[in-house]
Amino acid sequence: MLDAGSVHEGTLALLKGVDYLVCSEKFARQFAGDEETALARLSEVSQAVVITLGERGLIWQRGQERDILSAFPVTAVDTTGAGDAFMAHLQQQFHRK
């Protein structure tokens, strides 16, 4: 599982060996110009791809399945650890499948 925040040479090198890719909207735009194109292209190299979109939620693709998940409406007080908690939750979900 790789959590990609922005495009770097090392991150691009890791893509070929990753089964589950979670990347930011910033990474997607740097990689392919927009989220939908990035999702399609990244799904060719990783069996499951999630692109986080902040307050807009996320988009994901696994094989031919693709969907959008809206963000929960919250009043954020402190986002410290939010990304770590999200990644831990995804790891749990992937291990169940």
PDB file of N, CA and C in Angstrom:
ATOM      1  N   MET A   1       0.855  -1.167   0.000  1.00  0.00           N
ATOM      2  CA  MET A   1       0.000   0.000   0.000  1.00  0.00           C
ATOM      3  C   MET A   1       0.900   1.228   0.000  1.00  0.00           C
ATOM      4  N   LEU A   2       0.597   2.156  -0.879  1.00  0.00           N
ATOM      5  CA  LEU A   2       1.367   3.388  -0.983  1.00  0.00           C
ATOM      6  C   LEU A   2       0.432   4.572  -0.803  1.00  0.00           C
ATOM      7  N   ASP A   3       0.844   5.523   0.017  1.00  0.00           N
ATOM      8  CA  ASP A   3       0.133   6.782   0.218  1.00  0.00           C
ATOM      9  C   ASP A   3       0.943   7.857  -0.493  1.00  0.00           C
ATOM     10  N   ALA A   4       0.502   8.270  -1.673  1.00  0.00           N
ATOM     11  CA  ALA A   4       1.258   9.210  -2.502  1.00  0.00           C
ATOM     12  C   ALA A   4       0.665  10.609  -2.406  1.00  0.00           C
ATOM     13  N   GLY A   5       1.460  11.532  -1.896  1.00  0.00           N
ATOM     14  CA  GLY A   5       0.979  12.900  -1.738  1.00  0.00           C
ATOM     15  C   GLY A   5       1.276  13.796  -2.923  1.00  0.00           C
ATOM     16  N   SER A   6       2.448  13.602  -3.529  1.00  0.00           N
ATOM     17  CA  SER A   6       2.811  14.376  -4.707  1.00  0.00           C
ATOM     18  C   SER A   6       3.771  13.546  -5.557  1.00  0.00           C
ATOM     19  N   VAL A   7       3.884  13.925  -6.817  1.00  0.00           N
ATOM     20  CA  VAL A   7       4.692  13.163  -7.764  1.00  0.00           C
ATOM     21  C   VAL A   7       6.174  13.459  -7.540  1.00  0.00           C
ATOM     22  N   HIS A   8       6.917  12.394  -7.300  1.00  0.00           N
ATOM     23  CA  HIS A   8       8.377  12.445  -7.190  1.00  0.00           C
ATOM     24  C   HIS A   8       8.929  11.235  -7.925  1.00  0.00           C
ATOM     25  N   GLU A   9      10.188  11.295  -8.302  1.00  0.00           N
ATOM     26  CA  GLU A   9      10.817  10.182  -9.013  1.00  0.00           C
ATOM     27  C   GLU A   9      10.689   8.877  -8.230  1.00  0.00           C
ATOM     28  N   GLY A  10      10.932   8.923  -6.923  1.00  0.00           N
ATOM     29  CA  GLY A  10      10.837   7.715  -6.097  1.00  0.00           C
ATOM     30  C   GLY A  10       9.423   7.167  -6.018  1.00  0.00           C
ATOM     31  N   THR A  11       8.446   8.055  -5.920  1.00  0.00           N
ATOM     32  CA  THR A  11       7.047   7.631  -5.859  1.00  0.00           C
ATOM     33  C   THR A  11       6.648   6.941  -7.157  1.00  0.00           C
ATOM     34  N   LEU A  12       7.047   7.502  -8.269  1.00  0.00           N
ATOM     35  CA  LEU A  12       6.725   6.900  -9.561  1.00  0.00           C
ATOM     36  C   LEU A  12       7.376   5.527  -9.699  1.00  0.00           C
ATOM     37  N   ALA A  13       8.586   5.371  -9.175  1.00  0.00           N
ATOM     38  CA  ALA A  13       9.264   4.078  -9.237  1.00  0.00           C
ATOM     39  C   ALA A  13       8.534   3.028  -8.412  1.00  0.00           C
ATOM     40  N   LEU A  14       7.924   3.431  -7.312  1.00  0.00           N
ATOM     41  CA  LEU A  14       7.208   2.494  -6.441  1.00  0.00           C
ATOM     42  C   LEU A  14       5.872   2.029  -7.020  1.00  0.00           C
ATOM     43  N   LEU A  15       5.284   2.796  -7.921  1.00  0.00           N
ATOM     44  CA  LEU A  15       3.950   2.470  -8.450  1.00  0.00           C
ATOM     45  C   LEU A  15       3.862   1.065  -9.018  1.00  0.00           C
ATOM     46  N   LYS A  16       4.914   0.597  -9.649  1.00  0.00           N
ATOM     47  CA  LYS A  16       4.883  -0.711 -10.307  1.00  0.00           C
ATOM     48  C   LYS A  16       4.793  -1.869  -9.325  1.00  0.00           C
ATOM     49  N   GLY A  17       5.153  -1.644  -8.061  1.00  0.00           N
ATOM     50  CA  GLY A  17       5.144  -2.724  -7.087  1.00  0.00           C
ATOM     51  C   GLY A  17       4.049  -2.611  -6.048  1.00  0.00           C
ATOM     52  N   VAL A  18       3.078  -1.750  -6.283  1.00  0.00           N
ATOM     53  CA  VAL A  18       2.040  -1.477  -5.285  1.00  0.00           C
ATOM     54  C   VAL A  18       0.715  -2.105  -5.698  1.00  0.00           C
ATOM     55  N   ASP A  19       0.118  -2.865  -4.794  1.00  0.00           N
ATOM     56  CA  ASP A  19      -1.206  -3.431  -5.057  1.00  0.00           C
ATOM     57  C   ASP A  19      -2.317  -2.429  -4.771  1.00  0.00           C
ATOM     58  N   TYR A  20      -2.140  -1.628  -3.723  1.00  0.00           N
ATOM     59  CA  TYR A  20      -3.153  -0.666  -3.293  1.00  0.00           C
ATOM     60  C   TYR A  20      -2.527   0.719  -3.260  1.00  0.00           C
ATOM     61  N   LEU A  21      -3.026   1.616  -4.081  1.00  0.00           N
ATOM     62  CA  LEU A  21      -2.505   2.971  -4.174  1.00  0.00           C
ATOM     63  C   LEU A  21      -3.541   3.950  -3.663  1.00  0.00           C
ATOM     64  N   VAL A  22      -3.139   4.752  -2.707  1.00  0.00           N
ATOM     65  CA  VAL A  22      -3.971   5.847  -2.224  1.00  0.00           C
ATOM     66  C   VAL A  22      -3.190   7.112  -2.540  1.00  0.00           C
ATOM     67  N   CYS A  23      -3.810   8.028  -3.262  1.00  0.00           N
ATOM     68  CA  CYS A  23      -3.092   9.247  -3.593  1.00  0.00           C
ATOM     69  C   CYS A  23      -3.985  10.464  -3.416  1.00  0.00           C
ATOM     70  N   SER A  24      -3.323  11.572  -3.271  1.00  0.00           N
ATOM     71  CA  SER A  24      -4.023  12.833  -3.079  1.00  0.00           C
ATOM     72  C   SER A  24      -4.489  13.399  -4.420  1.00  0.00           C
ATOM     73  N   GLU A  25      -5.382  14.335  -4.322  1.00  0.00           N
ATOM     74  CA  GLU A  25      -5.846  15.069  -5.498  1.00  0.00           C
ATOM     75  C   GLU A  25      -4.650  15.748  -6.174  1.00  0.00           C
ATOM     76  N   LYS A  26      -3.726  16.273  -5.377  1.00  0.00           N
ATOM     77  CA  LYS A  26      -2.521  16.918  -5.912  1.00  0.00           C
ATOM     78  C   LYS A  26      -1.708  15.929  -6.750  1.00  0.00           C
ATOM     79  N   PHE A  27      -1.487  14.717  -6.223  1.00  0.00           N
ATOM     80  CA  PHE A  27      -0.751  13.693  -6.962  1.00  0.00           C
ATOM     81  C   PHE A  27      -1.458  13.395  -8.282  1.00  0.00           C
ATOM     82  N   ALA A  28      -2.769  13.193  -8.229  1.00  0.00           N
ATOM     83  CA  ALA A  28      -3.544  12.849  -9.429  1.00  0.00           C
ATOM     84  C   ALA A  28      -3.405  13.919 -10.505  1.00  0.00           C
ATOM     85  N   ARG A  29      -3.500  15.171 -10.102  1.00  0.00           N
ATOM     86  CA  ARG A  29      -3.392  16.264 -11.079  1.00  0.00           C
ATOM     87  C   ARG A  29      -1.980  16.378 -11.635  1.00  0.00           C
ATOM     88  N   GLN A  30      -0.976  16.180 -10.789  1.00  0.00           N
ATOM     89  CA  GLN A  30       0.401  16.209 -11.279  1.00  0.00           C
ATOM     90  C   GLN A  30       0.661  15.036 -12.227  1.00  0.00           C
ATOM     91  N   PHE A  31       0.088  13.899 -11.917  1.00  0.00           N
ATOM     92  CA  PHE A  31       0.316  12.677 -12.689  1.00  0.00           C
ATOM     93  C   PHE A  31      -0.366  12.703 -14.052  1.00  0.00           C
ATOM     94  N   ALA A  32      -1.619  13.185 -14.088  1.00  0.00           N
ATOM     95  CA  ALA A  32      -2.401  13.049 -15.331  1.00  0.00           C
ATOM     96  C   ALA A  32      -3.222  14.274 -15.713  1.00  0.00           C
ATOM     97  N   GLY A  33      -3.172  15.332 -14.940  1.00  0.00           N
ATOM     98  CA  GLY A  33      -3.922  16.536 -15.288  1.00  0.00           C
ATOM     99  C   GLY A  33      -5.263  16.665 -14.605  1.00  0.00           C
ATOM    100  N   ASP A  34      -5.940  15.551 -14.352  1.00  0.00           N
ATOM    101  CA  ASP A  34      -7.221  15.567 -13.635  1.00  0.00           C
ATOM    102  C   ASP A  34      -7.436  14.216 -12.955  1.00  0.00           C
ATOM    103  N   GLU A  35      -8.367  14.188 -12.025  1.00  0.00           N
ATOM    104  CA  GLU A  35      -8.574  12.994 -11.202  1.00  0.00           C
ATOM    105  C   GLU A  35      -9.100  11.800 -11.997  1.00  0.00           C
ATOM    106  N   GLU A  36     -10.037  12.017 -12.894  1.00  0.00           N
ATOM    107  CA  GLU A  36     -10.632  10.908 -13.644  1.00  0.00           C
ATOM    108  C   GLU A  36      -9.607  10.223 -14.549  1.00  0.00           C
ATOM    109  N   THR A  37      -8.796  11.020 -15.229  1.00  0.00           N
ATOM    110  CA  THR A  37      -7.754  10.444 -16.089  1.00  0.00           C
ATOM    111  C   THR A  37      -6.726   9.704 -15.244  1.00  0.00           C
ATOM    112  N   ALA A  38      -6.359  10.307 -14.117  1.00  0.00           N
ATOM    113  CA  ALA A  38      -5.396   9.661 -13.219  1.00  0.00           C
ATOM    114  C   ALA A  38      -5.935   8.333 -12.710  1.00  0.00           C
ATOM    115  N   LEU A  39      -7.201   8.301 -12.331  1.00  0.00           N
ATOM    116  CA  LEU A  39      -7.805   7.070 -11.822  1.00  0.00           C
ATOM    117  C   LEU A  39      -7.731   5.966 -12.882  1.00  0.00           C
ATOM    118  N   ALA A  40      -8.071   6.292 -14.096  1.00  0.00           N
ATOM    119  CA  ALA A  40      -8.027   5.299 -15.186  1.00  0.00           C
ATOM    120  C   ALA A  40      -6.605   4.810 -15.432  1.00  0.00           C
ATOM    121  N   ARG A  41      -5.654   5.723 -15.496  1.00  0.00           N
ATOM    122  CA  ARG A  41      -4.261   5.334 -15.789  1.00  0.00           C
ATOM    123  C   ARG A  41      -3.632   4.569 -14.633  1.00  0.00           C
ATOM    124  N   LEU A  42      -3.889   5.013 -13.413  1.00  0.00           N
ATOM    125  CA  LEU A  42      -3.294   4.344 -12.251  1.00  0.00           C
ATOM    126  C   LEU A  42      -3.903   2.962 -12.043  1.00  0.00           C
ATOM    127  N   SER A  43      -5.153   2.780 -12.437  1.00  0.00           N
ATOM    128  CA  SER A  43      -5.807   1.478 -12.312  1.00  0.00           C
ATOM    129  C   SER A  43      -5.203   0.432 -13.242  1.00  0.00           C
ATOM    130  N   GLU A  44      -4.456   0.872 -14.219  1.00  0.00           N
ATOM    131  CA  GLU A  44      -3.761  -0.057 -15.115  1.00  0.00           C
ATOM    132  C   GLU A  44      -2.529  -0.667 -14.447  1.00  0.00           C
ATOM    133  N   VAL A  45      -1.997  -0.013 -13.416  1.00  0.00           N
ATOM    134  CA  VAL A  45      -0.779  -0.510 -12.765  1.00  0.00           C
ATOM    135  C   VAL A  45      -0.996  -0.963 -11.324  1.00  0.00           C
ATOM    136  N   SER A  46      -2.129  -0.654 -10.749  1.00  0.00           N
ATOM    137  CA  SER A  46      -2.414  -1.034  -9.367  1.00  0.00           C
ATOM    138  C   SER A  46      -3.803  -1.651  -9.294  1.00  0.00           C
ATOM    139  N   GLN A  47      -3.963  -2.725  -8.527  1.00  0.00           N
ATOM    140  CA  GLN A  47      -5.254  -3.408  -8.514  1.00  0.00           C
ATOM    141  C   GLN A  47      -6.360  -2.611  -7.834  1.00  0.00           C
ATOM    142  N   ALA A  48      -5.998  -1.685  -6.958  1.00  0.00           N
ATOM    143  CA  ALA A  48      -6.998  -0.825  -6.315  1.00  0.00           C
ATOM    144  C   ALA A  48      -6.405   0.575  -6.155  1.00  0.00           C
ATOM    145  N   VAL A  49      -7.169   1.585  -6.549  1.00  0.00           N
ATOM    146  CA  VAL A  49      -6.709   2.971  -6.481  1.00  0.00           C
ATOM    147  C   VAL A  49      -7.770   3.815  -5.789  1.00  0.00           C
ATOM    148  N   VAL A  50      -7.312   4.643  -4.860  1.00  0.00           N
ATOM    149  CA  VAL A  50      -8.169   5.608  -4.187  1.00  0.00           C
ATOM    150  C   VAL A  50      -7.538   6.979  -4.384  1.00  0.00           C
ATOM    151  N   ILE A  51      -8.331   7.948  -4.813  1.00  0.00           N
ATOM    152  CA  ILE A  51      -7.865   9.324  -4.908  1.00  0.00           C
ATOM    153  C   ILE A  51      -8.692  10.148  -3.936  1.00  0.00           C
ATOM    154  N   THR A  52      -8.022  10.696  -2.927  1.00  0.00           N
ATOM    155  CA  THR A  52      -8.709  11.506  -1.922  1.00  0.00           C
ATOM    156  C   THR A  52      -8.911  12.916  -2.468  1.00  0.00           C
ATOM    157  N   LEU A  53     -10.084  13.480  -2.190  1.00  0.00           N
ATOM    158  CA  LEU A  53     -10.467  14.777  -2.747  1.00  0.00           C
ATOM    159  C   LEU A  53     -10.849  15.776  -1.660  1.00  0.00           C
ATOM    160  N   GLY A  54     -10.297  15.601  -0.464  1.00  0.00           N
ATOM    161  CA  GLY A  54     -10.585  16.542   0.621  1.00  0.00           C
ATOM    162  C   GLY A  54     -12.055  16.550   0.980  1.00  0.00           C
ATOM    163  N   GLU A  55     -12.607  17.735   1.072  1.00  0.00           N
ATOM    164  CA  GLU A  55     -14.016  17.865   1.478  1.00  0.00           C
ATOM    165  C   GLU A  55     -14.991  17.306   0.446  1.00  0.00           C
ATOM    166  N   ARG A  56     -14.501  16.983  -0.764  1.00  0.00           N
ATOM    167  CA  ARG A  56     -15.350  16.364  -1.784  1.00  0.00           C
ATOM    168  C   ARG A  56     -15.402  14.847  -1.652  1.00  0.00           C
ATOM    169  N   GLY A  57     -14.610  14.283  -0.730  1.00  0.00           N
ATOM    170  CA  GLY A  57     -14.650  12.839  -0.523  1.00  0.00           C
ATOM    171  C   GLY A  57     -13.525  12.124  -1.233  1.00  0.00           C
ATOM    172  N   LEU A  58     -13.873  11.080  -1.999  1.00  0.00           N
ATOM    173  CA  LEU A  58     -12.859  10.334  -2.743  1.00  0.00           C
ATOM    174  C   LEU A  58     -13.497   9.612  -3.914  1.00  0.00           C
ATOM    175  N   ILE A  59     -12.644   9.208  -4.850  1.00  0.00           N
ATOM    176  CA  ILE A  59     -13.060   8.331  -5.935  1.00  0.00           C
ATOM    177  C   ILE A  59     -12.156   7.104  -5.869  1.00  0.00           C
ATOM    178  N   TRP A  60     -12.685   5.961  -6.299  1.00  0.00           N
ATOM    179  CA  TRP A  60     -11.879   4.747  -6.240  1.00  0.00           C
ATOM    180  C   TRP A  60     -12.201   3.846  -7.417  1.00  0.00           C
ATOM    181  N   GLN A  61     -11.244   2.980  -7.703  1.00  0.00           N
ATOM    182  CA  GLN A  61     -11.446   1.962  -8.729  1.00  0.00           C
ATOM    183  C   GLN A  61     -10.701   0.707  -8.312  1.00  0.00           C
ATOM    184  N   ARG A  62     -11.375  -0.427  -8.486  1.00  0.00           N
ATOM    185  CA  ARG A  62     -10.799  -1.745  -8.232  1.00  0.00           C
ATOM    186  C   ARG A  62     -11.283  -2.645  -9.359  1.00  0.00           C
ATOM    187  N   GLY A  63     -10.371  -2.994 -10.265  1.00  0.00           N
ATOM    188  CA  GLY A  63     -10.784  -3.740 -11.452  1.00  0.00           C
ATOM    189  C   GLY A  63     -11.729  -2.878 -12.272  1.00  0.00           C
ATOM    190  N   GLN A  64     -12.908  -3.408 -12.569  1.00  0.00           N
ATOM    191  CA  GLN A  64     -13.903  -2.646 -13.334  1.00  0.00           C
ATOM    192  C   GLN A  64     -14.870  -1.867 -12.439  1.00  0.00           C
ATOM    193  N   GLU A  65     -14.792  -2.112 -11.123  1.00  0.00           N
ATOM    194  CA  GLU A  65     -15.639  -1.366 -10.185  1.00  0.00           C
ATOM    195  C   GLU A  65     -15.062   0.019  -9.952  1.00  0.00           C
ATOM    196  N   ARG A  66     -15.945   1.004  -9.948  1.00  0.00           N
ATOM    197  CA  ARG A  66     -15.524   2.396  -9.739  1.00  0.00           C
ATOM    198  C   ARG A  66     -16.663   3.125  -9.040  1.00  0.00           C
ATOM    199  N   ASP A  67     -16.313   3.988  -8.097  1.00  0.00           N
ATOM    200  CA  ASP A  67     -17.372   4.703  -7.390  1.00  0.00           C
ATOM    201  C   ASP A  67     -16.828   5.982  -6.770  1.00  0.00           C
ATOM    202  N   ILE A  68     -17.753   6.754  -6.228  1.00  0.00           N
ATOM    203  CA  ILE A  68     -17.463   7.998  -5.518  1.00  0.00           C
ATOM    204  C   ILE A  68     -17.965   7.829  -4.096  1.00  0.00           C
ATOM    205  N   LEU A  69     -17.208   8.288  -3.136  1.00  0.00           N
ATOM    206  CA  LEU A  69     -17.639   8.283  -1.745  1.00  0.00           C
ATOM    207  C   LEU A  69     -17.569   9.714  -1.235  1.00  0.00           C
ATOM    208  N   SER A  70     -18.702  10.252  -0.837  1.00  0.00           N
ATOM    209  CA  SER A  70     -18.747  11.624  -0.337  1.00  0.00           C
ATOM    210  C   SER A  70     -18.116  11.710   1.045  1.00  0.00           C
ATOM    211  N   ALA A  71     -17.586  12.867   1.346  1.00  0.00           N
ATOM    212  CA  ALA A  71     -17.017  13.107   2.679  1.00  0.00           C
ATOM    213  C   ALA A  71     -18.153  13.347   3.667  1.00  0.00           C
ATOM    214  N   PHE A  72     -17.898  12.970   4.911  1.00  0.00           N
ATOM    215  CA  PHE A  72     -18.861  13.271   5.971  1.00  0.00           C
ATOM    216  C   PHE A  72     -18.786  14.758   6.302  1.00  0.00           C
ATOM    217  N   PRO A  73     -19.925  15.399   6.497  1.00  0.00           N
ATOM    218  CA  PRO A  73     -19.874  16.815   6.892  1.00  0.00           C
ATOM    219  C   PRO A  73     -19.410  16.923   8.349  1.00  0.00           C
ATOM    220  N   VAL A  74     -18.313  17.595   8.552  1.00  0.00           N
ATOM    221  CA  VAL A  74     -17.769  17.787   9.903  1.00  0.00           C
ATOM    222  C   VAL A  74     -17.246  19.204  10.038  1.00  0.00           C
ATOM    223  N   THR A  75     -17.128  19.639  11.271  1.00  0.00           N
ATOM    224  CA  THR A  75     -16.439  20.877  11.578  1.00  0.00           C
ATOM    225  C   THR A  75     -15.075  20.472  12.127  1.00  0.00           C
ATOM    226  N   ALA A  76     -14.057  20.620  11.311  1.00  0.00           N
ATOM    227  CA  ALA A  76     -12.714  20.188  11.700  1.00  0.00           C
ATOM    228  C   ALA A  76     -12.140  21.126  12.747  1.00  0.00           C
ATOM    229  N   VAL A  77     -11.617  20.527  13.801  1.00  0.00           N
ATOM    230  CA  VAL A  77     -10.958  21.295  14.851  1.00  0.00           C
ATOM    231  C   VAL A  77      -9.450  21.098  14.754  1.00  0.00           C
ATOM    232  N   ASP A  78      -9.035  19.858  14.527  1.00  0.00           N
ATOM    233  CA  ASP A  78      -7.621  19.521  14.407  1.00  0.00           C
ATOM    234  C   ASP A  78      -7.527  18.276  13.524  1.00  0.00           C
ATOM    235  N   THR A  79      -6.834  18.370  12.414  1.00  0.00           N
ATOM    236  CA  THR A  79      -6.755  17.248  11.477  1.00  0.00           C
ATOM    237  C   THR A  79      -5.507  16.387  11.685  1.00  0.00           C
ATOM    238  N   THR A  80      -4.777  16.622  12.769  1.00  0.00           N
ATOM    239  CA  THR A  80      -3.590  15.825  13.059  1.00  0.00           C
ATOM    240  C   THR A  80      -3.962  14.350  13.130  1.00  0.00           C
ATOM    241  N   GLY A  81      -3.294  13.534  12.347  1.00  0.00           N
ATOM    242  CA  GLY A  81      -3.530  12.096  12.361  1.00  0.00           C
ATOM    243  C   GLY A  81      -4.678  11.632  11.491  1.00  0.00           C
ATOM    244  N   ALA A  82      -5.378  12.551  10.848  1.00  0.00           N
ATOM    245  CA  ALA A  82      -6.539  12.154  10.032  1.00  0.00           C
ATOM    246  C   ALA A  82      -6.116  11.232   8.886  1.00  0.00           C
ATOM    247  N   GLY A  83      -5.039  11.566   8.207  1.00  0.00           N
ATOM    248  CA  GLY A  83      -4.571  10.734   7.106  1.00  0.00           C
ATOM    249  C   GLY A  83      -4.121   9.364   7.581  1.00  0.00           C
ATOM    250  N   ASP A  84      -3.453   9.310   8.721  1.00  0.00           N
ATOM    251  CA  ASP A  84      -3.017   8.029   9.277  1.00  0.00           C
ATOM    252  C   ASP A  84      -4.217   7.155   9.648  1.00  0.00           C
ATOM    253  N   ALA A  85      -5.224   7.771  10.251  1.00  0.00           N
ATOM    254  CA  ALA A  85      -6.429   7.016  10.617  1.00  0.00           C
ATOM    255  C   ALA A  85      -7.144   6.509   9.364  1.00  0.00           C
ATOM    256  N   PHE A  86      -7.194   7.332   8.320  1.00  0.00           N
ATOM    257  CA  PHE A  86      -7.820   6.942   7.068  1.00  0.00           C
ATOM    258  C   PHE A  86      -7.088   5.753   6.454  1.00  0.00           C
ATOM    259  N   MET A  87      -5.754   5.817   6.416  1.00  0.00           N
ATOM    260  CA  MET A  87      -4.968   4.715   5.842  1.00  0.00           C
ATOM    261  C   MET A  87      -5.154   3.430   6.651  1.00  0.00           C
ATOM    262  N   ALA A  88      -5.207   3.533   7.956  1.00  0.00           N
ATOM    263  CA  ALA A  88      -5.419   2.349   8.794  1.00  0.00           C
ATOM    264  C   ALA A  88      -6.783   1.728   8.506  1.00  0.00           C
ATOM    265  N   HIS A  89      -7.794   2.555   8.334  1.00  0.00           N
ATOM    266  CA  HIS A  89      -9.135   2.064   8.017  1.00  0.00           C
ATOM    267  C   HIS A  89      -9.125   1.349   6.658  1.00  0.00           C
ATOM    268  N   LEU A  90      -8.478   1.950   5.667  1.00  0.00           N
ATOM    269  CA  LEU A  90      -8.410   1.308   4.356  1.00  0.00           C
ATOM    270  C   LEU A  90      -7.689  -0.030   4.425  1.00  0.00           C
ATOM    271  N   GLN A  91      -6.613  -0.095   5.175  1.00  0.00           N
ATOM    272  CA  GLN A  91      -5.885  -1.362   5.300  1.00  0.00           C
ATOM    273  C   GLN A  91      -6.786  -2.437   5.876  1.00  0.00           C
ATOM    274  N   GLN A  92      -7.584  -2.091   6.865  1.00  0.00           N
ATOM    275  CA  GLN A  92      -8.544  -3.038   7.436  1.00  0.00           C
ATOM    276  C   GLN A  92      -9.518  -3.517   6.371  1.00  0.00           C
ATOM    277  N   GLN A  93     -10.031  -2.582   5.590  1.00  0.00           N
ATOM    278  CA  GLN A  93     -11.023  -2.927   4.563  1.00  0.00           C
ATOM    279  C   GLN A  93     -10.417  -3.832   3.488  1.00  0.00           C
ATOM    280  N   PHE A  94      -9.197  -3.514   3.050  1.00  0.00           N
ATOM    281  CA  PHE A  94      -8.551  -4.310   2.013  1.00  0.00           C
ATOM    282  C   PHE A  94      -8.252  -5.706   2.499  1.00  0.00           C
ATOM    283  N   HIS A  95      -7.904  -5.860   3.759  1.00  0.00           N
ATOM    284  CA  HIS A  95      -7.573  -7.192   4.287  1.00  0.00           C
ATOM    285  C   HIS A  95      -8.810  -8.064   4.431  1.00  0.00           C
ATOM    286  N   ARG A  96      -9.989  -7.470   4.496  1.00  0.00           N
ATOM    287  CA  ARG A  96     -11.232  -8.231   4.591  1.00  0.00           C
ATOM    288  C   ARG A  96     -11.622  -8.833   3.254  1.00  0.00           C
ATOM    289  N   LYS A  97     -11.188  -8.236   2.173  1.00  0.00           N
ATOM    290  CA  LYS A  97     -11.611  -8.657   0.828  1.00  0.00           C
ATOM    291  C   LYS A  97     -10.866  -9.870   0.374  1.00  0.00           C
TER     292      LYS A  97
END
